[in-house]
Amino acid sequence: MKEHPLFEIREKRKKGVSAGVYSACSANKYVIEAVLEKARATNTCALIEATANQVNQFGGYTGMRPADFAGFLYGIADSNGIDRDLIVPGGDHLGPLTWQNEASGPAMEKACELIREYVLAGFTKIHIDTSMKLADDDKNTKLSDEIIARRAVQLAGVAESAFEELRKIKADAVPPVYVIGSEVPIPGGAQGGDDEISVTSPHEFEQTYETFKREFHGAGLQDAFERIIGVVVQPGVEYSDSEVSEYDRHAASGLCTSLKKYPDIVFEGHSTDYQTKEALKQMVEDGVAILKVGPALTYALRQALFALNDIENELMDCKFSDRAVLSCFRNVLEEAMLANPQHWEKYYMADNNSDMSIKLKYSYSDRCRYYLPVGEVDKAIDKLVRNIDSLDIPLSVLEQYMPLQYAHVREGRLQPCARSLIKDRISDYIDDYIYAVCP
């Protein structure tokens, strides 16, 4: 039976090598292409994860079920001539997250089917998240580690059964590895500006791990427990609408020291978006060896699209009196966001319309990403790409709006076509993670 590629990281760390992996949480084609191309160039694995609200048995907000998302990933790899073996598909926040307004019975029933579909679709890195209260949980009492662990064990049992079912179809299927943890940051970043961030205490981490161990062993899932590769903790990093909480290794030293008691696992850090590359490297050195990133990658995509829109306006506005030939991407995106505020209204707070307009476009929370697949926005992106590719962009203009990509063009590393410029801007962020995880 094949061994999961993430075990290699564990073995390297046991030998004192500061190895890690970053996980790209995105369903955007440009982002996925950039991740895959960087994996090929650096000979590293491409860990790409879908979240439970993004991809589930009902389609999620992408309209994809797990098998659809796996096919989407492999289709992108095939069309770009990239080896499928580089891809490690993962599921993020798999549990009753999407159904937490329902009672535990029906919510967990749906969560079981969710995790079953992920494993059957070949996802091999499974983050089991049962940290949220359900409708019939006591609202005045903290959800205990025992309840969280028992619900996680229920899901792990379903995952193990699904894998046995998969192995009958695919004899060389790789057994899934698991990530657990009851201290799970909110998916998508902090809501508002008043969220307090506390580093997970050593006691909380150790109690979580020992509780999960007891419950897994009590349910006869010792083998599954041995494949727990990581525990989600809060190392003190987060981002919100307009702020980034920087990693402070001194503040996290107690937590990271406690990890030395458990050489078979690493910490998984969520919301590592927008950390400096040196902070990311320190996190990996300190044991936060799985770095989750998502919004920062689509934030870079949005930056690239805005820059190309500026170039388009600069070069085409003076040539054509009819503005219908322009993509008007910025305007189309903002109109789509204002027409349907459900994806951003809980995240953005402003005193006036001018402030809100800035947040809609430039916020670290990058709620823009939910609107990129919207019909009119997607059409505007396609039109923008076509327009840029019809232009001979003067280098001086490219330098004005995309100085990093200008340097790469000058060095002969990059062609000044729209898709390449977009993916290269995304890669600027990916490079920080490659720097952090590769010893």
Protein backbone atom coordinates (compact mmCIF):
# COMPACT_ATOMS: atom_id res chain seq x y z
CA MET A 1 0.00 0.00 0.00
CA LYS A 2 1.31 3.44 -0.95
CA GLU A 3 2.26 5.83 1.84
CA HIS A 4 0.81 9.31 1.92
CA PRO A 5 3.26 11.99 0.72
CA LEU A 6 2.68 14.10 3.86
CA PHE A 7 4.34 11.37 5.94
CA GLU A 8 7.61 12.37 4.28
CA ILE A 9 7.37 15.73 6.02
CA ARG A 10 6.91 14.03 9.37
CA GLU A 11 9.95 11.83 8.84
CA LYS A 12 12.10 14.78 7.79
CA ARG A 13 11.09 16.72 10.88
CA LYS A 14 12.02 13.77 13.10
CA LYS A 15 15.51 14.06 11.65
CA GLY A 16 15.66 17.74 12.52
CA VAL A 17 14.84 19.08 9.06
CA SER A 18 12.47 22.06 9.07
CA ALA A 19 10.12 20.74 6.39
CA GLY A 20 6.50 21.69 5.80
CA VAL A 21 3.78 22.07 3.22
CA TYR A 22 1.40 24.84 2.25
CA SER A 23 -2.21 24.13 1.44
CA ALA A 24 -3.98 26.18 -1.23
CA CYS A 25 -7.68 26.47 -0.41
CA SER A 26 -9.26 27.67 -3.62
CA ALA A 27 -11.58 26.66 -6.43
CA ASN A 28 -10.35 29.37 -8.79
CA LYS A 29 -8.84 28.09 -12.04
CA TYR A 30 -6.14 30.77 -12.24
CA VAL A 31 -5.05 30.03 -8.66
CA ILE A 32 -5.00 26.28 -9.21
CA GLU A 33 -3.00 26.63 -12.43
CA ALA A 34 -0.47 28.83 -10.62
CA VAL A 35 -0.18 26.32 -7.75
CA LEU A 36 0.28 23.38 -10.12
CA GLU A 37 2.83 25.17 -12.28
CA LYS A 38 4.82 26.15 -9.18
CA ALA A 39 4.69 22.55 -7.92
CA ARG A 40 6.11 21.33 -11.23
CA ALA A 41 8.83 23.99 -11.23
CA THR A 42 9.90 23.27 -7.63
CA ASN A 43 9.25 19.51 -7.62
CA THR A 44 6.95 19.84 -4.61
CA CYS A 45 3.47 18.45 -4.00
CA ALA A 46 0.42 20.60 -4.70
CA LEU A 47 -1.86 20.26 -1.68
CA ILE A 48 -5.16 21.77 -2.82
CA GLU A 49 -8.18 21.75 -0.53
CA ALA A 50 -11.88 22.38 -0.91
CA THR A 51 -13.97 23.49 2.05
CA ALA A 52 -17.23 21.92 3.16
CA ASN A 53 -19.33 24.95 2.22
CA GLN A 54 -17.52 25.27 -1.10
CA VAL A 55 -17.87 21.65 -2.25
CA ASN A 56 -20.32 19.18 -0.74
CA GLN A 57 -22.91 16.54 -1.63
CA PHE A 58 -25.39 19.29 -2.48
CA GLY A 59 -22.95 21.20 -4.69
CA GLY A 60 -21.87 23.89 -2.23
CA TYR A 61 -21.46 27.44 -3.47
CA THR A 62 -19.31 26.24 -6.39
CA GLY A 63 -21.98 23.84 -7.63
CA MET A 64 -19.46 20.98 -7.36
CA ARG A 65 -19.63 17.73 -5.44
CA PRO A 66 -16.34 16.17 -4.29
CA ALA A 67 -15.97 13.99 -7.39
CA ASP A 68 -16.60 17.06 -9.56
CA PHE A 69 -13.90 19.05 -7.77
CA ALA A 70 -11.40 16.19 -8.10
CA GLY A 71 -12.18 16.02 -11.82
CA PHE A 72 -11.78 19.80 -12.02
CA LEU A 73 -8.29 19.59 -10.47
CA TYR A 74 -7.13 16.74 -12.67
CA GLY A 75 -8.62 18.36 -15.77
CA ILE A 76 -6.56 21.51 -15.14
CA ALA A 77 -3.45 19.37 -14.61
CA ASP A 78 -4.05 17.42 -17.82
CA SER A 79 -4.67 20.52 -19.93
CA ASN A 80 -1.40 22.02 -18.69
CA GLY A 81 0.66 18.85 -19.09
CA ILE A 82 1.22 18.51 -15.33
CA ASP A 83 1.63 15.12 -13.67
CA ARG A 84 -1.47 14.21 -11.66
CA ASP A 85 0.74 12.58 -9.03
CA LEU A 86 1.84 16.03 -7.89
CA ILE A 87 -1.69 16.73 -6.63
CA VAL A 88 -2.73 15.95 -3.05
CA PRO A 89 -6.48 16.69 -2.85
CA GLY A 90 -7.76 17.65 0.57
CA GLY A 91 -11.03 18.42 2.31
CA ASP A 92 -11.16 21.33 4.75
CA HIS A 93 -13.58 21.79 7.67
CA LEU A 94 -15.33 18.49 6.90
CA GLY A 95 -18.08 18.09 9.45
CA PRO A 96 -21.41 19.74 10.29
CA LEU A 97 -20.15 23.28 9.58
CA THR A 98 -22.67 23.90 6.80
CA TRP A 99 -25.55 22.50 8.87
CA GLN A 100 -24.79 23.91 12.32
CA ASN A 101 -28.28 25.45 12.49
CA GLU A 102 -29.73 21.94 12.51
CA ALA A 103 -29.97 19.49 15.41
CA SER A 104 -27.05 17.11 15.94
CA GLY A 105 -28.85 14.09 14.46
CA PRO A 106 -29.57 15.40 10.95
CA ALA A 107 -26.45 17.64 10.94
CA MET A 108 -24.13 14.72 11.66
CA GLU A 109 -25.98 12.51 9.18
CA LYS A 110 -25.24 15.06 6.47
CA ALA A 111 -21.64 15.39 7.69
CA CYS A 112 -21.20 11.62 7.39
CA GLU A 113 -22.34 11.65 3.78
CA LEU A 114 -20.10 14.65 3.13
CA ILE A 115 -16.95 12.91 4.34
CA ARG A 116 -17.93 9.68 2.61
CA GLU A 117 -18.13 11.44 -0.76
CA TYR A 118 -14.78 13.15 -0.22
CA VAL A 119 -12.98 9.89 0.53
CA LEU A 120 -14.66 8.01 -2.31
CA ALA A 121 -13.61 10.81 -4.66
CA GLY A 122 -9.97 10.21 -3.74
CA PHE A 123 -9.34 13.07 -1.30
CA THR A 124 -6.52 11.90 0.92
CA LYS A 125 -5.96 14.76 3.36
CA ILE A 126 -9.04 15.06 5.53
CA HIS A 127 -9.56 17.83 8.09
CA ILE A 128 -12.29 16.65 10.44
CA ASP A 129 -13.91 19.67 12.06
CA THR A 130 -16.62 19.06 14.66
CA SER A 131 -15.75 22.12 16.76
CA MET A 132 -18.98 24.04 16.16
CA LYS A 133 -22.13 23.89 18.30
CA LEU A 134 -25.26 22.44 16.70
CA ALA A 135 -28.82 23.56 17.22
CA ASP A 136 -29.54 21.23 20.16
CA ASP A 137 -26.25 21.86 21.98
CA ASP A 138 -26.41 23.94 25.16
CA LYS A 139 -25.80 27.51 24.05
CA ASN A 140 -24.59 28.53 27.52
CA THR A 141 -21.92 25.84 27.87
CA LYS A 142 -18.66 25.41 26.00
CA LEU A 143 -18.70 22.38 23.73
CA SER A 144 -16.55 19.80 25.49
CA ASP A 145 -13.54 18.07 23.97
CA GLU A 146 -15.34 14.77 24.57
CA ILE A 147 -18.35 15.73 22.43
CA ILE A 148 -16.09 17.17 19.72
CA ALA A 149 -13.93 14.04 19.70
CA ARG A 150 -16.88 11.62 19.68
CA ARG A 151 -18.41 13.37 16.70
CA ALA A 152 -15.02 13.32 14.99
CA VAL A 153 -14.71 9.59 15.67
CA GLN A 154 -18.11 9.05 14.05
CA LEU A 155 -16.88 10.81 10.92
CA ALA A 156 -13.52 9.03 10.96
CA GLY A 157 -15.33 5.67 11.08
CA VAL A 158 -17.32 6.65 7.99
CA ALA A 159 -14.12 7.79 6.26
CA GLU A 160 -12.36 4.50 7.00
CA SER A 161 -15.32 2.49 5.68
CA ALA A 162 -15.43 4.65 2.55
CA PHE A 163 -11.73 4.05 1.98
CA GLU A 164 -12.23 0.28 2.15
CA GLU A 165 -14.99 0.70 -0.41
CA LEU A 166 -12.68 2.77 -2.60
CA ARG A 167 -9.88 0.23 -2.36
CA LYS A 168 -12.12 -2.42 -3.91
CA ILE A 169 -12.33 -0.21 -6.99
CA LYS A 170 -8.79 1.20 -6.88
CA ALA A 171 -6.34 -1.24 -5.37
CA ASP A 172 -3.48 1.29 -5.14
CA ALA A 173 -5.57 3.95 -3.36
CA VAL A 174 -3.63 5.84 -0.69
CA PRO A 175 -5.17 5.73 2.82
CA PRO A 176 -6.32 9.15 4.00
CA VAL A 177 -4.44 11.12 6.62
CA TYR A 178 -6.36 13.20 9.11
CA VAL A 179 -6.11 16.60 10.73
CA ILE A 180 -8.05 17.15 13.94
CA GLY A 181 -8.44 19.96 16.46
CA SER A 182 -11.11 21.68 18.49
CA GLU A 183 -9.55 25.16 18.26
CA VAL A 184 -10.42 25.92 14.67
CA PRO A 185 -10.38 29.52 13.36
CA ILE A 186 -13.44 30.78 11.50
CA PRO A 187 -13.25 29.89 7.78
CA GLY A 188 -12.68 33.02 5.69
CA GLY A 189 -10.97 35.14 8.33
CA ALA A 190 -12.18 37.20 11.27
CA GLN A 191 -15.55 38.93 11.01
CA GLY A 192 -15.34 42.62 11.89
CA GLY A 193 -12.42 44.22 13.70
CA ASP A 194 -13.04 43.21 17.32
CA ASP A 195 -12.18 39.51 17.22
CA GLU A 196 -9.71 38.64 19.94
CA ILE A 197 -6.88 36.26 19.13
CA SER A 198 -5.48 34.01 21.82
CA VAL A 199 -2.69 31.52 21.22
CA THR A 200 -3.78 27.98 22.03
CA SER A 201 -2.40 27.02 25.42
CA PRO A 202 -0.20 23.92 25.78
CA HIS A 203 -2.81 22.45 28.13
CA GLU A 204 -5.62 22.94 25.61
CA PHE A 205 -3.59 21.30 22.84
CA GLU A 206 -2.49 18.34 24.94
CA GLN A 207 -5.97 17.80 26.35
CA THR A 208 -7.43 17.83 22.85
CA TYR A 209 -4.89 15.33 21.57
CA GLU A 210 -5.29 12.95 24.51
CA THR A 211 -9.10 13.14 24.35
CA PHE A 212 -9.08 12.30 20.64
CA LYS A 213 -6.64 9.46 21.28
CA ARG A 214 -8.87 7.99 23.97
CA GLU A 215 -12.01 8.23 21.83
CA PHE A 216 -10.37 6.87 18.66
CA HIS A 217 -8.88 3.92 20.53
CA GLY A 218 -12.15 3.29 22.36
CA ALA A 219 -13.92 3.03 19.00
CA GLY A 220 -11.33 0.58 17.62
CA LEU A 221 -9.89 3.18 15.23
CA GLN A 222 -6.26 2.85 16.32
CA ASP A 223 -5.04 2.61 12.72
CA ALA A 224 -6.90 5.77 11.77
CA PHE A 225 -5.46 7.55 14.80
CA GLU A 226 -1.93 6.63 13.68
CA ARG A 227 -2.70 8.47 10.45
CA ILE A 228 -3.51 11.73 12.22
CA ILE A 229 -0.82 13.97 10.73
CA GLY A 230 -1.74 17.30 12.30
CA VAL A 231 -3.70 19.21 14.90
CA VAL A 232 -5.27 22.59 14.16
CA VAL A 233 -4.22 25.23 16.69
CA GLN A 234 -4.27 29.00 16.90
CA PRO A 235 -0.62 30.13 16.85
CA GLY A 236 -1.68 33.78 17.01
CA VAL A 237 -2.15 34.59 13.33
CA GLU A 238 -5.27 35.99 11.73
CA TYR A 239 -6.39 38.64 9.30
CA SER A 240 -9.51 40.72 9.13
CA ASP A 241 -11.00 43.28 6.83
CA SER A 242 -8.10 45.72 7.22
CA GLU A 243 -5.57 44.24 9.64
CA VAL A 244 -3.13 41.34 9.86
CA SER A 245 -2.08 39.84 13.20
CA GLU A 246 1.60 39.02 12.75
CA TYR A 247 3.12 35.79 14.03
CA ASP A 248 4.96 36.25 17.32
CA ARG A 249 7.11 33.19 17.95
CA HIS A 250 7.75 34.29 21.56
CA ALA A 251 4.01 34.35 22.28
CA ALA A 252 3.64 30.90 20.67
CA SER A 253 6.76 29.39 22.30
CA GLY A 254 4.91 27.51 25.04
CA LEU A 255 2.52 25.92 22.56
CA CYS A 256 5.29 25.01 20.13
CA THR A 257 7.48 23.54 22.88
CA SER A 258 4.61 21.25 23.92
CA LEU A 259 4.59 19.74 20.41
CA LYS A 260 7.95 18.08 21.12
CA LYS A 261 6.11 15.49 23.23
CA TYR A 262 4.33 14.30 20.08
CA PRO A 263 6.89 13.70 17.29
CA ASP A 264 4.35 12.00 15.00
CA ILE A 265 2.25 15.12 14.44
CA VAL A 266 2.63 18.74 13.38
CA PHE A 267 0.49 21.79 13.88
CA GLU A 268 -1.78 23.06 11.12
CA GLY A 269 -2.14 26.83 10.98
CA HIS A 270 -5.19 28.38 9.35
CA SER A 271 -5.49 32.01 8.25
CA THR A 272 -1.78 32.34 7.54
CA ASP A 273 -2.64 34.65 4.62
CA TYR A 274 -0.64 37.90 4.39
CA GLN A 275 2.07 36.83 6.85
CA THR A 276 5.57 37.85 5.78
CA LYS A 277 7.74 35.14 4.29
CA GLU A 278 10.05 35.26 7.32
CA ALA A 279 7.09 34.86 9.68
CA LEU A 280 5.89 31.88 7.63
CA LYS A 281 9.34 30.32 7.83
CA GLN A 282 9.45 30.83 11.59
CA MET A 283 6.07 29.11 11.89
CA VAL A 284 7.33 26.07 10.01
CA GLU A 285 10.52 26.00 12.11
CA ASP A 286 8.39 26.15 15.27
CA GLY A 287 6.18 23.21 14.25
CA VAL A 288 3.32 24.88 12.37
CA ALA A 289 4.29 22.80 9.37
CA ILE A 290 0.97 22.88 7.47
CA LEU A 291 0.23 26.43 6.35
CA LYS A 292 -3.26 27.09 5.03
CA VAL A 293 -3.71 29.93 2.54
CA GLY A 294 -6.68 30.90 0.39
CA PRO A 295 -7.90 34.50 0.29
CA ALA A 296 -4.37 35.85 -0.21
CA LEU A 297 -4.16 33.96 -3.50
CA THR A 298 -7.42 35.33 -4.88
CA TYR A 299 -6.43 38.73 -3.44
CA ALA A 300 -3.36 38.55 -5.71
CA LEU A 301 -5.62 37.51 -8.59
CA ARG A 302 -7.82 40.53 -7.93
CA GLN A 303 -4.74 42.79 -7.86
CA ALA A 304 -3.64 41.42 -11.23
CA LEU A 305 -7.09 41.91 -12.76
CA PHE A 306 -7.28 45.49 -11.47
CA ALA A 307 -3.82 46.25 -12.85
CA LEU A 308 -4.71 44.78 -16.24
CA ASN A 309 -7.95 46.77 -16.19
CA ASP A 310 -5.90 49.94 -15.65
CA ILE A 311 -3.60 49.00 -18.53
CA GLU A 312 -6.62 48.26 -20.72
CA ASN A 313 -8.15 51.65 -19.95
CA GLU A 314 -4.83 53.43 -20.49
CA LEU A 315 -4.11 51.88 -23.88
CA MET A 316 -7.59 51.38 -25.34
CA ASP A 317 -9.46 54.42 -24.10
CA CYS A 318 -7.40 56.69 -26.34
CA LYS A 319 -7.94 54.46 -29.38
CA PHE A 320 -11.68 53.81 -29.22
CA SER A 321 -14.43 56.34 -28.65
CA ASP A 322 -16.91 53.53 -27.99
CA ARG A 323 -16.38 52.41 -24.37
CA ALA A 324 -18.35 49.24 -25.09
CA VAL A 325 -15.11 47.68 -26.30
CA LEU A 326 -13.71 47.94 -22.74
CA SER A 327 -14.27 45.26 -20.12
CA CYS A 328 -15.15 47.71 -17.32
CA PHE A 329 -14.14 44.89 -14.97
CA ARG A 330 -13.89 46.96 -11.78
CA ASN A 331 -17.35 48.45 -12.25
CA VAL A 332 -18.95 45.13 -13.15
CA LEU A 333 -17.41 43.46 -10.08
CA GLU A 334 -18.57 46.19 -7.69
CA GLU A 335 -22.08 46.19 -9.16
CA ALA A 336 -22.30 42.42 -8.65
CA MET A 337 -21.18 42.77 -5.02
CA LEU A 338 -23.67 45.55 -4.28
CA ALA A 339 -26.50 43.62 -5.93
CA ASN A 340 -25.93 40.59 -3.68
CA PRO A 341 -24.26 41.53 -0.36
CA GLN A 342 -24.68 38.14 1.35
CA HIS A 343 -21.00 37.18 0.92
CA TRP A 344 -19.54 40.37 2.43
CA GLU A 345 -22.01 42.18 4.67
CA LYS A 346 -20.94 40.32 7.86
CA TYR A 347 -17.28 41.06 7.17
CA TYR A 348 -17.25 44.73 6.17
CA MET A 349 -18.25 47.65 8.36
CA ALA A 350 -18.02 51.28 7.21
CA ASP A 351 -19.32 54.69 8.22
CA ASN A 352 -20.05 55.86 4.70
CA ASN A 353 -20.40 54.65 1.11
CA SER A 354 -16.91 55.81 0.17
CA ASP A 355 -15.31 53.68 2.89
CA MET A 356 -17.45 50.71 1.90
CA SER A 357 -16.40 51.05 -1.74
CA ILE A 358 -12.75 50.80 -0.67
CA LYS A 359 -13.47 47.71 1.44
CA LEU A 360 -15.38 45.99 -1.35
CA LYS A 361 -12.38 46.32 -3.64
CA TYR A 362 -9.31 46.14 -1.42
CA SER A 363 -10.13 44.28 1.81
CA TYR A 364 -7.78 41.55 3.06
CA SER A 365 -10.87 39.41 3.58
CA ASP A 366 -11.16 39.36 -0.22
CA ARG A 367 -14.85 38.68 -0.40
CA CYS A 368 -14.46 39.60 -4.08
CA ARG A 369 -13.58 35.97 -4.72
CA TYR A 370 -17.20 34.87 -4.28
CA TYR A 371 -18.24 37.09 -7.20
CA LEU A 372 -15.61 36.16 -9.77
CA PRO A 373 -17.67 33.19 -11.10
CA VAL A 374 -20.84 35.33 -11.42
CA GLY A 375 -21.94 35.43 -15.07
CA GLU A 376 -21.38 39.11 -15.86
CA VAL A 377 -18.15 39.26 -13.84
CA ASP A 378 -16.78 36.17 -15.54
CA LYS A 379 -17.63 37.65 -18.94
CA ALA A 380 -15.85 40.88 -18.00
CA ILE A 381 -12.73 38.90 -17.04
CA ASP A 382 -12.78 37.06 -20.38
CA LYS A 383 -13.19 40.36 -22.22
CA LEU A 384 -10.34 41.90 -20.24
CA VAL A 385 -8.04 38.98 -21.07
CA ARG A 386 -8.90 39.20 -24.77
CA ASN A 387 -8.35 42.96 -24.82
CA ILE A 388 -4.97 42.73 -23.09
CA ASP A 389 -3.84 40.00 -25.47
CA SER A 390 -4.78 42.22 -28.42
CA LEU A 391 -2.43 44.95 -27.18
CA ASP A 392 1.29 45.43 -27.47
CA ILE A 393 1.87 46.64 -23.91
CA PRO A 394 4.76 49.11 -23.69
CA LEU A 395 7.20 47.96 -21.03
CA SER A 396 7.01 51.36 -19.37
CA VAL A 397 3.25 50.96 -18.95
CA LEU A 398 3.63 47.41 -17.63
CA GLU A 399 6.19 48.66 -15.10
CA GLN A 400 3.78 51.37 -13.93
CA TYR A 401 1.01 48.92 -13.03
CA MET A 402 2.77 45.55 -12.50
CA PRO A 403 6.37 46.32 -11.51
CA LEU A 404 7.19 42.79 -10.30
CA GLN A 405 5.88 41.23 -13.49
CA TYR A 406 7.73 43.88 -15.51
CA ALA A 407 10.98 42.70 -13.91
CA HIS A 408 10.18 39.09 -14.76
CA VAL A 409 9.45 40.02 -18.38
CA ARG A 410 12.74 41.92 -18.60
CA GLU A 411 14.57 38.88 -17.21
CA GLY A 412 13.03 36.65 -19.90
CA ARG A 413 11.10 34.59 -17.33
CA LEU A 414 7.63 35.70 -18.37
CA GLN A 415 5.62 36.45 -21.49
CA PRO A 416 3.49 39.63 -21.26
CA CYS A 417 0.19 37.92 -22.06
CA ALA A 418 -2.78 38.23 -19.73
CA ARG A 419 -2.93 34.68 -18.32
CA SER A 420 0.80 34.58 -17.66
CA LEU A 421 0.78 37.97 -15.96
CA ILE A 422 -2.16 36.95 -13.76
CA LYS A 423 -0.63 33.65 -12.68
CA ASP A 424 2.75 35.24 -12.09
CA ARG A 425 1.20 37.76 -9.68
CA ILE A 426 -0.43 34.90 -7.77
CA SER A 427 2.93 33.14 -7.73
CA ASP A 428 4.47 36.11 -5.91
CA TYR A 429 2.46 34.99 -2.87
CA ILE A 430 3.10 31.30 -3.48
CA ASP A 431 6.85 31.96 -3.51
CA ASP A 432 6.66 33.11 0.11
CA TYR A 433 5.15 29.76 1.06
CA ILE A 434 7.66 27.76 -0.96
CA TYR A 435 10.42 29.69 0.83
CA ALA A 436 8.85 28.84 4.19
CA VAL A 437 8.21 25.11 3.70
CA CYS A 438 11.28 24.05 1.74
CA PRO A 439 14.34 23.61 4.04
